[in-house]
Amino acid sequence: MVVDNKGIISFIRVLKEDLALFRIKPLEGQVPDFRAGQFVTLGLPVKSENGKIVRRAYSIASPPEIKKHFELIIRWVKKPVPGRFTTELFDRKEGDEIYWLKPTGPFGLIDKWPNGKKEDRRIVMMGGGTGLAPFISMALHLKASRDKREVVVLHGASYVDELSYREMLQDLEEESIDKGEFNFRYRASISRPDEWLNRSWSGQKGRVESFLKKDPLTDRSNLEKLVGEKITPENTMFYICGWQGTVDAVLQQLEPLGFVEEKKKRADGTYDIRYESYG
């Protein structure tokens, strides 16, 4: 039985016509405990369907330590047909009511393996578009818990204005370098660099998986140049989130290097790639 909780949309930041940050504040109590990487299901009555409640699940961008609200990055689905839920959501204003279900989902960080071994490898998070959301939650949670693992967040988008958390992540890297308390790096890539709206961009070009492409002159990828060593299953674990095409493209580059995905885990239960896809 579905048990809806009531909340309000306490904050909206529109990044562009079809992309916005939303904060959902519970009307009663606080945000329940959840694991970084999980999702929350939102519900709204659809006027064109006689008030029928339509629900959709979204990865939570805020970390578990924040109890006042959930933060989400949501795209308004317009093609091939307008999204039933997102069309209603983007018509809402701050202060409007919304329904939500308790966070759930299997995606999240691995801290320990079935054999009791601690997971202490470098963490590389690769997000395409709004697939960045769970990695914001994970990165902020790792910082709050004073985790010592090296963390790299790689984000791919079509346009510069879709790099939703760019400023925050750049500040997090600067803080990491200055204080040395959290080993964090962030890089972004734009897949349509020649378009006018991206004229200011001078960084990585291509989809997010382009960070794994080897430079024929150095035999190193841009990710390897960033971390200063060859990426191997012994020193790095990958988390991926985005369209299935993005996940497949990353797997195609990592599997020949000996990386094992969760669905094909080794006999001892370990693996090197965990992903969540949509679409």
Protein backbone atom coordinates (compact mmCIF):
# COMPACT_ATOMS: atom_id res chain seq x y z
CA MET A 1 0.00 0.00 0.00
CA VAL A 2 1.34 3.42 -1.03
CA VAL A 3 1.59 5.84 1.89
CA ASP A 4 1.97 9.42 0.70
CA ASN A 5 3.60 12.04 2.88
CA LYS A 6 2.82 15.71 2.39
CA GLY A 7 5.43 18.34 1.73
CA ILE A 8 5.85 21.75 0.19
CA ILE A 9 8.09 22.97 -2.58
CA SER A 10 10.22 25.26 -0.45
CA PHE A 11 12.70 26.41 -3.10
CA ILE A 12 12.97 26.50 -6.89
CA ARG A 13 16.02 27.59 -8.85
CA VAL A 14 15.40 27.61 -12.60
CA LEU A 15 18.63 26.94 -14.50
CA LYS A 16 16.97 27.06 -17.91
CA GLU A 17 13.47 26.62 -19.32
CA ASP A 18 13.48 22.85 -18.86
CA LEU A 19 15.92 22.33 -15.97
CA ALA A 20 15.56 23.35 -12.32
CA LEU A 21 16.60 22.61 -8.75
CA PHE A 22 13.75 21.83 -6.35
CA ARG A 23 13.72 21.50 -2.58
CA ILE A 24 10.94 19.48 -0.99
CA LYS A 25 10.30 20.12 2.71
CA PRO A 26 8.20 17.64 4.73
CA LEU A 27 5.10 19.25 6.24
CA GLU A 28 5.53 17.15 9.36
CA GLY A 29 8.79 16.06 10.94
CA GLN A 30 12.04 15.91 9.06
CA VAL A 31 13.62 14.05 6.17
CA PRO A 32 13.88 10.37 7.15
CA ASP A 33 17.21 8.54 7.15
CA PHE A 34 18.40 7.38 3.73
CA ARG A 35 21.61 6.31 2.01
CA ALA A 36 23.44 8.69 -0.31
CA GLY A 37 22.54 7.57 -3.82
CA GLN A 38 18.93 6.62 -3.13
CA PHE A 39 15.84 8.21 -4.69
CA VAL A 40 12.59 9.77 -3.48
CA THR A 41 9.26 9.38 -5.28
CA LEU A 42 7.22 12.54 -5.75
CA GLY A 43 3.52 12.76 -6.53
CA LEU A 44 1.22 15.45 -7.92
CA PRO A 45 -2.43 15.50 -8.98
CA VAL A 46 -2.74 15.94 -12.75
CA LYS A 47 -5.50 18.38 -13.67
CA SER A 48 -6.03 16.91 -17.14
CA GLU A 49 -6.63 13.48 -15.57
CA ASN A 50 -9.29 14.54 -13.07
CA GLY A 51 -6.81 14.96 -10.25
CA LYS A 52 -5.22 11.52 -10.56
CA ILE A 53 -1.95 11.31 -8.60
CA VAL A 54 1.01 10.70 -10.91
CA ARG A 55 4.31 9.70 -9.30
CA ARG A 56 7.91 9.78 -10.49
CA ALA A 57 11.19 8.82 -8.79
CA TYR A 58 14.21 11.16 -8.64
CA SER A 59 17.69 10.69 -7.23
CA ILE A 60 18.29 12.83 -4.15
CA ALA A 61 21.06 15.41 -4.55
CA SER A 62 21.17 16.56 -0.93
CA PRO A 63 23.19 14.43 1.52
CA PRO A 64 21.59 12.34 4.31
CA GLU A 65 22.94 14.82 6.86
CA ILE A 66 20.50 17.52 5.68
CA LYS A 67 17.18 16.90 7.43
CA LYS A 68 15.17 20.01 6.48
CA HIS A 69 14.56 19.13 2.84
CA PHE A 70 15.31 16.93 -0.15
CA GLU A 71 17.09 18.65 -3.02
CA LEU A 72 16.51 17.38 -6.55
CA ILE A 73 17.67 18.34 -10.04
CA ILE A 74 14.82 17.72 -12.49
CA ARG A 75 14.43 18.12 -16.23
CA TRP A 76 11.07 18.97 -17.77
CA VAL A 77 10.32 16.19 -20.23
CA LYS A 78 8.99 17.68 -23.46
CA LYS A 79 9.76 15.10 -26.15
CA PRO A 80 8.50 12.92 -27.70
CA VAL A 81 5.42 13.97 -25.69
CA PRO A 82 5.18 16.28 -22.64
CA GLY A 83 5.86 14.43 -19.38
CA ARG A 84 2.74 14.04 -17.26
CA PHE A 85 4.52 14.67 -13.96
CA THR A 86 7.19 17.19 -14.98
CA THR A 87 4.67 19.35 -16.86
CA GLU A 88 2.70 19.66 -13.62
CA LEU A 89 5.82 20.22 -11.52
CA PHE A 90 7.21 23.02 -13.66
CA ASP A 91 3.85 24.78 -13.35
CA ARG A 92 4.17 24.84 -9.55
CA LYS A 93 5.50 27.66 -7.37
CA GLU A 94 7.37 27.85 -4.07
CA GLY A 95 4.97 27.06 -1.25
CA ASP A 96 2.80 24.65 -3.25
CA GLU A 97 2.05 21.23 -1.79
CA ILE A 98 3.49 18.00 -3.14
CA TYR A 99 3.42 14.34 -2.09
CA TRP A 100 6.49 12.22 -1.42
CA LEU A 101 7.29 8.62 -0.50
CA LYS A 102 10.04 7.42 1.81
CA PRO A 103 13.45 7.26 0.04
CA THR A 104 14.56 3.89 -1.24
CA GLY A 105 16.72 2.25 -3.91
CA PRO A 106 19.77 -0.03 -4.14
CA PHE A 107 22.24 2.51 -5.54
CA GLY A 108 24.83 3.77 -3.08
CA LEU A 109 28.39 3.68 -1.86
CA ILE A 110 30.21 0.47 -1.00
CA ASP A 111 32.13 0.74 2.27
CA LYS A 112 32.73 -2.93 3.05
CA TRP A 113 32.60 -6.20 1.09
CA PRO A 114 30.91 -9.51 2.07
CA ASN A 115 34.27 -10.91 3.16
CA GLY A 116 34.66 -8.02 5.62
CA LYS A 117 37.33 -6.22 3.60
CA LYS A 118 37.10 -2.43 3.72
CA GLU A 119 36.59 -0.65 0.39
CA ASP A 120 39.31 1.99 0.23
CA ARG A 121 39.97 2.49 -3.49
CA ARG A 122 39.66 5.80 -5.31
CA ILE A 123 36.02 6.63 -6.12
CA VAL A 124 35.25 7.94 -9.62
CA MET A 125 31.66 9.11 -10.16
CA MET A 126 30.55 9.67 -13.76
CA GLY A 127 27.22 11.41 -14.31
CA GLY A 128 25.50 12.35 -17.55
CA GLY A 129 22.99 15.23 -17.38
CA THR A 130 20.76 14.94 -14.32
CA GLY A 131 22.59 11.70 -13.53
CA LEU A 132 24.90 13.92 -11.49
CA ALA A 133 22.32 14.12 -8.67
CA PRO A 134 23.24 11.01 -6.61
CA PHE A 135 26.90 11.96 -6.81
CA ILE A 136 26.26 15.32 -5.19
CA SER A 137 24.67 13.47 -2.27
CA MET A 138 27.52 10.94 -2.16
CA ALA A 139 30.31 13.52 -2.34
CA LEU A 140 28.81 15.72 0.38
CA HIS A 141 28.17 12.66 2.56
CA LEU A 142 31.77 11.47 2.17
CA LYS A 143 33.00 14.94 3.13
CA ALA A 144 30.70 15.11 6.17
CA SER A 145 31.80 11.67 7.35
CA ARG A 146 35.50 12.60 6.93
CA ASP A 147 36.12 9.74 4.54
CA LYS A 148 39.75 9.55 3.42
CA ARG A 149 39.17 8.01 0.00
CA GLU A 150 40.08 10.02 -3.09
CA VAL A 151 36.89 11.21 -4.82
CA VAL A 152 36.60 12.35 -8.45
CA VAL A 153 33.31 13.64 -9.89
CA LEU A 154 33.04 13.80 -13.70
CA HIS A 155 29.96 15.42 -15.22
CA GLY A 156 28.88 15.53 -18.85
CA ALA A 157 26.26 17.85 -20.32
CA SER A 158 25.24 19.28 -23.68
CA TYR A 159 25.40 22.92 -22.57
CA VAL A 160 27.32 24.94 -19.99
CA ASP A 161 24.11 26.07 -18.27
CA GLU A 162 23.29 22.40 -17.59
CA LEU A 163 26.34 22.00 -15.35
CA SER A 164 23.95 22.33 -12.43
CA TYR A 165 26.36 22.14 -9.49
CA ARG A 166 29.48 23.46 -11.19
CA GLU A 167 30.20 26.34 -8.81
CA MET A 168 29.64 24.26 -5.69
CA LEU A 169 31.84 21.43 -6.94
CA GLN A 170 34.62 23.82 -7.95
CA ASP A 171 34.49 25.36 -4.47
CA LEU A 172 34.63 21.87 -2.97
CA GLU A 173 37.78 21.10 -4.95
CA GLU A 174 39.42 24.37 -3.90
CA GLU A 175 38.57 23.66 -0.28
CA SER A 176 40.02 20.17 -0.67
CA ILE A 177 43.28 21.55 -2.02
CA ASP A 178 43.54 24.36 0.55
CA LYS A 179 42.65 22.40 3.69
CA GLY A 180 43.66 18.87 2.72
CA GLU A 181 40.83 17.35 4.80
CA PHE A 182 38.94 15.88 1.83
CA ASN A 183 40.63 14.53 -1.30
CA PHE A 184 38.27 15.75 -4.02
CA ARG A 185 38.45 16.64 -7.73
CA TYR A 186 35.79 17.77 -10.20
CA ARG A 187 35.83 18.04 -13.98
CA ALA A 188 33.09 18.63 -16.54
CA SER A 189 32.73 18.01 -20.25
CA ILE A 190 30.49 19.63 -22.89
CA SER A 191 29.28 17.46 -25.78
CA ARG A 192 28.27 20.33 -28.09
CA PRO A 193 31.21 22.71 -27.77
CA ASP A 194 30.72 24.38 -31.17
CA GLU A 195 27.25 25.71 -30.42
CA TRP A 196 26.91 29.44 -29.67
CA LEU A 197 25.56 28.91 -26.15
CA ASN A 198 28.83 27.13 -25.26
CA ARG A 199 31.13 29.78 -26.72
CA SER A 200 32.73 30.46 -23.31
CA TRP A 201 33.70 26.82 -22.73
CA SER A 202 37.40 25.92 -22.83
CA GLY A 203 37.38 22.64 -20.90
CA GLN A 204 36.90 18.99 -21.86
CA LYS A 205 34.90 18.38 -25.03
CA GLY A 206 32.72 15.35 -25.63
CA ARG A 207 30.42 13.14 -23.58
CA VAL A 208 31.41 12.24 -20.04
CA GLU A 209 32.99 8.95 -21.18
CA SER A 210 35.55 11.00 -23.15
CA PHE A 211 37.50 11.35 -19.89
CA LEU A 212 38.44 7.67 -20.32
CA LYS A 213 39.72 7.96 -23.89
CA LYS A 214 43.46 7.38 -24.21
CA ASP A 215 45.69 10.07 -25.69
CA PRO A 216 47.67 8.23 -28.41
CA LEU A 217 50.76 10.32 -27.67
CA THR A 218 50.91 9.56 -23.94
CA ASP A 219 48.73 6.41 -23.72
CA ARG A 220 46.94 8.07 -20.82
CA SER A 221 43.38 9.30 -20.48
CA ASN A 222 42.48 12.72 -19.09
CA LEU A 223 41.22 10.99 -15.96
CA GLU A 224 44.63 9.33 -15.53
CA LYS A 225 46.36 12.67 -16.08
CA LEU A 226 44.14 14.18 -13.39
CA VAL A 227 44.86 11.53 -10.74
CA GLY A 228 48.50 11.04 -11.75
CA GLU A 229 48.51 7.29 -12.36
CA LYS A 230 47.10 4.51 -14.50
CA ILE A 231 43.52 3.61 -13.63
CA THR A 232 43.17 -0.09 -12.69
CA PRO A 233 40.65 -2.27 -10.83
CA GLU A 234 43.16 -2.41 -7.99
CA ASN A 235 43.12 1.34 -7.35
CA THR A 236 39.74 2.63 -8.58
CA MET A 237 36.01 1.92 -8.26
CA PHE A 238 33.52 3.53 -10.65
CA TYR A 239 29.95 4.71 -10.08
CA ILE A 240 27.92 5.71 -13.16
CA CYS A 241 24.50 7.34 -13.50
CA GLY A 242 22.68 8.59 -16.58
CA TRP A 243 21.04 7.40 -19.76
CA GLN A 244 21.66 3.74 -20.61
CA GLY A 245 23.73 4.89 -23.58
CA THR A 246 26.11 6.69 -21.23
CA VAL A 247 26.40 3.63 -19.00
CA ASP A 248 27.06 1.36 -21.98
CA ALA A 249 29.73 3.71 -23.37
CA VAL A 250 31.61 3.73 -20.05
CA LEU A 251 31.35 -0.06 -19.69
CA GLN A 252 32.76 -0.52 -23.20
CA GLN A 253 35.89 1.36 -22.19
CA LEU A 254 36.36 -0.11 -18.72
CA GLU A 255 35.59 -3.82 -19.21
CA PRO A 256 38.54 -4.43 -21.58
CA LEU A 257 40.78 -3.04 -18.81
CA GLY A 258 39.63 -5.75 -16.40
CA PHE A 259 36.91 -3.82 -14.54
CA VAL A 260 33.97 -5.95 -13.42
CA GLU A 261 30.42 -4.58 -13.15
CA GLU A 262 28.07 -5.39 -10.29
CA LYS A 263 25.85 -7.74 -12.32
CA LYS A 264 28.90 -9.89 -13.15
CA LYS A 265 30.48 -9.80 -9.70
CA ARG A 266 33.37 -12.08 -8.82
CA ALA A 267 32.96 -15.28 -6.81
CA ASP A 268 33.85 -13.40 -3.61
CA GLY A 269 31.11 -10.81 -4.25
CA THR A 270 33.40 -7.93 -5.24
CA TYR A 271 33.20 -5.74 -8.33
CA ASP A 272 34.57 -2.44 -9.65
CA ILE A 273 31.61 -0.74 -11.38
CA ARG A 274 28.22 0.15 -9.98
CA TYR A 275 25.63 1.98 -12.06
CA GLU A 276 22.09 3.29 -12.22
CA SER A 277 20.50 4.06 -15.59
CA TYR A 278 17.31 5.61 -16.84
CA GLY A 279 15.66 5.81 -20.24
